[in-house]
Amino acid sequence: MYQFQYNPYLYSIPSPIYQIRQQTQPTAQSHSNANNPYPPIEPETFYVSIKQLNALLRVAATLSYQLNNSDMGIEIMEAAQKGNTAKIYETLQKSGIPDDVIVSYTPYGITFKVIPEGQTGPILTSASLHLTWKELL
């Protein structure tokens, strides 16, 4: 239970807990500290990722539109339920979706991972759409 204690002094003394917390807070200097277990940040790489993301979101929006406004969604669901991955990729290609989409599925839904076109090195950014066609019980 909290009890109020009268303090006759006009100033307050910070508690030791507050002082310990302040000492352990990271500072801007700690990022270059040799004790930091994380690698240094690379802002240039981050901005390249952001630029790539805009193109990926356009592909994801096209995919979403195609799934919603055509028979493509039914074809993909049926192919996934039969484990026919080749048919899924064929259906995507017929509808104009680029080859840079990685598909994974379960009996309950499908995930489309859109990666930058012609990606040869490490993937800096991606956009994933997870769609469910059966509720989990």
C-alpha atoms as a PDB file:
ATOM      1  CA  MET A   1       0.000   0.000   0.000  1.00  0.00           C
ATOM      2  CA  TYR A   2       1.328   3.432  -0.941  1.00  0.00           C
ATOM      3  CA  GLN A   3       1.686   5.870   1.903  1.00  0.00           C
ATOM      4  CA  PHE A   4       2.278   9.576   1.556  1.00  0.00           C
ATOM      5  CA  GLN A   5       5.399  10.779   3.332  1.00  0.00           C
ATOM      6  CA  TYR A   6       5.903  14.393   4.200  1.00  0.00           C
ATOM      7  CA  ASN A   7       9.085  15.942   2.766  1.00  0.00           C
ATOM      8  CA  PRO A   8      10.070  19.181   4.529  1.00  0.00           C
ATOM      9  CA  TYR A   9      12.768  19.949   1.939  1.00  0.00           C
ATOM     10  CA  LEU A  10      12.114  22.156  -1.063  1.00  0.00           C
ATOM     11  CA  TYR A  11      14.005  19.889  -3.392  1.00  0.00           C
ATOM     12  CA  SER A  12      13.780  16.193  -4.070  1.00  0.00           C
ATOM     13  CA  ILE A  13      16.494  13.591  -4.264  1.00  0.00           C
ATOM     14  CA  PRO A  14      16.091  11.076  -7.072  1.00  0.00           C
ATOM     15  CA  SER A  15      15.698   7.507  -5.922  1.00  0.00           C
ATOM     16  CA  PRO A  16      18.565   5.075  -6.523  1.00  0.00           C
ATOM     17  CA  ILE A  17      16.356   3.090  -8.924  1.00  0.00           C
ATOM     18  CA  TYR A  18      15.926   6.179 -11.125  1.00  0.00           C
ATOM     19  CA  GLN A  19      19.696   6.705 -11.145  1.00  0.00           C
ATOM     20  CA  ILE A  20      20.338   3.074 -12.136  1.00  0.00           C
ATOM     21  CA  ARG A  21      17.781   3.277 -14.952  1.00  0.00           C
ATOM     22  CA  GLN A  22      19.380   6.442 -16.289  1.00  0.00           C
ATOM     23  CA  GLN A  23      22.807   4.829 -16.282  1.00  0.00           C
ATOM     24  CA  THR A  24      21.585   1.813 -18.273  1.00  0.00           C
ATOM     25  CA  GLN A  25      19.691   3.763 -20.940  1.00  0.00           C
ATOM     26  CA  PRO A  26      21.385   3.500 -24.358  1.00  0.00           C
ATOM     27  CA  THR A  27      22.840   6.661 -25.778  1.00  0.00           C
ATOM     28  CA  ALA A  28      23.770   7.672 -29.292  1.00  0.00           C
ATOM     29  CA  GLN A  29      27.403   7.002 -28.423  1.00  0.00           C
ATOM     30  CA  SER A  30      26.662   3.411 -27.409  1.00  0.00           C
ATOM     31  CA  HIS A  31      25.966   2.462 -31.056  1.00  0.00           C
ATOM     32  CA  SER A  32      29.635   2.839 -31.891  1.00  0.00           C
ATOM     33  CA  ASN A  33      30.718   1.191 -28.660  1.00  0.00           C
ATOM     34  CA  ALA A  34      32.761  -2.013 -29.003  1.00  0.00           C
ATOM     35  CA  ASN A  35      30.450  -3.659 -26.429  1.00  0.00           C
ATOM     36  CA  ASN A  36      27.417  -3.266 -28.676  1.00  0.00           C
ATOM     37  CA  PRO A  37      26.534  -6.739 -30.049  1.00  0.00           C
ATOM     38  CA  TYR A  38      24.727  -5.308 -33.084  1.00  0.00           C
ATOM     39  CA  PRO A  39      26.397  -4.325 -36.346  1.00  0.00           C
ATOM     40  CA  PRO A  40      26.502  -0.648 -37.320  1.00  0.00           C
ATOM     41  CA  ILE A  41      23.466   0.658 -39.171  1.00  0.00           C
ATOM     42  CA  GLU A  42      23.566   1.267 -42.913  1.00  0.00           C
ATOM     43  CA  PRO A  43      21.079   4.034 -43.792  1.00  0.00           C
ATOM     44  CA  GLU A  44      21.834   3.736 -47.527  1.00  0.00           C
ATOM     45  CA  THR A  45      20.683   0.106 -47.533  1.00  0.00           C
ATOM     46  CA  PHE A  46      17.543   1.073 -45.630  1.00  0.00           C
ATOM     47  CA  TYR A  47      16.628   3.716 -48.223  1.00  0.00           C
ATOM     48  CA  VAL A  48      17.236   1.278 -51.090  1.00  0.00           C
ATOM     49  CA  SER A  49      14.812  -1.100 -49.336  1.00  0.00           C
ATOM     50  CA  ILE A  50      12.174   1.617 -49.090  1.00  0.00           C
ATOM     51  CA  LYS A  51      12.479   2.419 -52.805  1.00  0.00           C
ATOM     52  CA  GLN A  52      12.159  -1.272 -53.671  1.00  0.00           C
ATOM     53  CA  LEU A  53       9.110  -1.590 -51.445  1.00  0.00           C
ATOM     54  CA  ASN A  54       7.078   0.828 -53.590  1.00  0.00           C
ATOM     55  CA  ALA A  55       7.448  -1.426 -56.640  1.00  0.00           C
ATOM     56  CA  LEU A  56       6.648  -4.518 -54.569  1.00  0.00           C
ATOM     57  CA  LEU A  57       3.471  -2.964 -53.222  1.00  0.00           C
ATOM     58  CA  ARG A  58       2.301  -2.258 -56.786  1.00  0.00           C
ATOM     59  CA  VAL A  59       2.766  -5.947 -57.648  1.00  0.00           C
ATOM     60  CA  ALA A  60       0.974  -6.945 -54.423  1.00  0.00           C
ATOM     61  CA  ALA A  61      -1.931  -4.618 -55.267  1.00  0.00           C
ATOM     62  CA  THR A  62      -2.186  -6.079 -58.788  1.00  0.00           C
ATOM     63  CA  LEU A  63      -2.163  -9.591 -57.343  1.00  0.00           C
ATOM     64  CA  SER A  64      -4.870  -8.685 -54.844  1.00  0.00           C
ATOM     65  CA  TYR A  65      -7.017  -7.142 -57.577  1.00  0.00           C
ATOM     66  CA  GLN A  66      -6.586 -10.194 -59.831  1.00  0.00           C
ATOM     67  CA  LEU A  67      -7.495 -12.612 -57.013  1.00  0.00           C
ATOM     68  CA  ASN A  68     -10.616 -10.627 -56.158  1.00  0.00           C
ATOM     69  CA  ASN A  69     -11.925  -9.838 -59.632  1.00  0.00           C
ATOM     70  CA  SER A  70     -11.401 -13.024 -61.635  1.00  0.00           C
ATOM     71  CA  ASP A  71     -11.564 -16.801 -61.463  1.00  0.00           C
ATOM     72  CA  MET A  72      -7.872 -16.781 -60.647  1.00  0.00           C
ATOM     73  CA  GLY A  73      -8.548 -16.976 -56.899  1.00  0.00           C
ATOM     74  CA  ILE A  74     -10.633 -20.152 -57.243  1.00  0.00           C
ATOM     75  CA  GLU A  75      -8.022 -21.745 -59.552  1.00  0.00           C
ATOM     76  CA  ILE A  76      -5.239 -20.990 -57.073  1.00  0.00           C
ATOM     77  CA  MET A  77      -7.204 -22.292 -54.075  1.00  0.00           C
ATOM     78  CA  GLU A  78      -8.075 -25.534 -55.871  1.00  0.00           C
ATOM     79  CA  ALA A  79      -4.478 -26.020 -57.035  1.00  0.00           C
ATOM     80  CA  ALA A  80      -3.140 -25.403 -53.508  1.00  0.00           C
ATOM     81  CA  GLN A  81      -5.639 -27.865 -51.999  1.00  0.00           C
ATOM     82  CA  LYS A  82      -4.334 -30.486 -54.461  1.00  0.00           C
ATOM     83  CA  GLY A  83      -0.691 -29.566 -53.767  1.00  0.00           C
ATOM     84  CA  ASN A  84      -0.184 -28.497 -57.385  1.00  0.00           C
ATOM     85  CA  THR A  85       2.430 -25.733 -57.038  1.00  0.00           C
ATOM     86  CA  ALA A  86       3.200 -25.729 -60.773  1.00  0.00           C
ATOM     87  CA  LYS A  87      -0.457 -24.907 -61.529  1.00  0.00           C
ATOM     88  CA  ILE A  88      -0.358 -22.006 -59.037  1.00  0.00           C
ATOM     89  CA  TYR A  89       2.685 -20.459 -60.738  1.00  0.00           C
ATOM     90  CA  GLU A  90       1.168 -21.081 -64.180  1.00  0.00           C
ATOM     91  CA  THR A  91      -2.036 -19.300 -63.128  1.00  0.00           C
ATOM     92  CA  LEU A  92      -0.035 -16.352 -61.755  1.00  0.00           C
ATOM     93  CA  GLN A  93       1.973 -16.104 -64.978  1.00  0.00           C
ATOM     94  CA  LYS A  94      -1.172 -16.200 -67.156  1.00  0.00           C
ATOM     95  CA  SER A  95      -2.609 -13.275 -65.220  1.00  0.00           C
ATOM     96  CA  GLY A  96       0.482 -11.107 -65.721  1.00  0.00           C
ATOM     97  CA  ILE A  97       1.964 -11.414 -62.239  1.00  0.00           C
ATOM     98  CA  PRO A  98       5.808 -11.299 -62.438  1.00  0.00           C
ATOM     99  CA  ASP A  99       7.901 -14.380 -61.721  1.00  0.00           C
ATOM    100  CA  ASP A 100       9.295 -12.777 -58.575  1.00  0.00           C
ATOM    101  CA  VAL A 101       6.531 -14.121 -56.329  1.00  0.00           C
ATOM    102  CA  ILE A 102       7.266 -16.975 -53.939  1.00  0.00           C
ATOM    103  CA  VAL A 103       4.214 -19.036 -52.986  1.00  0.00           C
ATOM    104  CA  SER A 104       3.686 -21.178 -49.898  1.00  0.00           C
ATOM    105  CA  TYR A 105       0.395 -22.657 -48.744  1.00  0.00           C
ATOM    106  CA  THR A 106      -1.377 -24.788 -46.175  1.00  0.00           C
ATOM    107  CA  PRO A 107      -4.841 -26.372 -46.197  1.00  0.00           C
ATOM    108  CA  TYR A 108      -6.064 -23.119 -44.623  1.00  0.00           C
ATOM    109  CA  GLY A 109      -4.529 -20.395 -46.763  1.00  0.00           C
ATOM    110  CA  ILE A 110      -1.764 -19.157 -48.991  1.00  0.00           C
ATOM    111  CA  THR A 111       1.130 -16.715 -48.703  1.00  0.00           C
ATOM    112  CA  PHE A 112       2.527 -14.738 -51.624  1.00  0.00           C
ATOM    113  CA  LYS A 113       5.970 -13.245 -50.967  1.00  0.00           C
ATOM    114  CA  VAL A 114       6.827 -10.585 -53.530  1.00  0.00           C
ATOM    115  CA  ILE A 115      10.546  -9.942 -53.971  1.00  0.00           C
ATOM    116  CA  PRO A 116      12.307  -7.363 -56.163  1.00  0.00           C
ATOM    117  CA  GLU A 117      12.385  -8.244 -59.844  1.00  0.00           C
ATOM    118  CA  GLY A 118      15.591  -9.980 -60.940  1.00  0.00           C
ATOM    119  CA  GLN A 119      16.971 -10.135 -57.408  1.00  0.00           C
ATOM    120  CA  THR A 120      20.390 -11.802 -57.457  1.00  0.00           C
ATOM    121  CA  GLY A 121      21.938 -10.897 -54.106  1.00  0.00           C
ATOM    122  CA  PRO A 122      20.452 -10.912 -50.641  1.00  0.00           C
ATOM    123  CA  ILE A 123      16.816  -9.850 -50.456  1.00  0.00           C
ATOM    124  CA  LEU A 124      16.743  -6.400 -48.853  1.00  0.00           C
ATOM    125  CA  THR A 125      12.970  -6.096 -48.769  1.00  0.00           C
ATOM    126  CA  SER A 126       9.869  -8.091 -49.559  1.00  0.00           C
ATOM    127  CA  ALA A 127       6.105  -7.772 -49.273  1.00  0.00           C
ATOM    128  CA  SER A 128       4.020 -10.701 -48.084  1.00  0.00           C
ATOM    129  CA  LEU A 129       0.315 -11.279 -48.522  1.00  0.00           C
ATOM    130  CA  HIS A 130      -1.214 -13.992 -46.384  1.00  0.00           C
ATOM    131  CA  LEU A 131      -4.728 -14.953 -47.382  1.00  0.00           C
ATOM    132  CA  THR A 132      -6.941 -17.421 -45.547  1.00  0.00           C
ATOM    133  CA  TRP A 133      -9.728 -19.460 -47.134  1.00  0.00           C
ATOM    134  CA  LYS A 134     -10.650 -21.608 -44.140  1.00  0.00           C
ATOM    135  CA  GLU A 135     -10.894 -20.554 -40.532  1.00  0.00           C
ATOM    136  CA  LEU A 136      -8.823 -22.450 -38.009  1.00  0.00           C
ATOM    137  CA  LEU A 137     -10.947 -24.133 -35.386  1.00  0.00           C
END
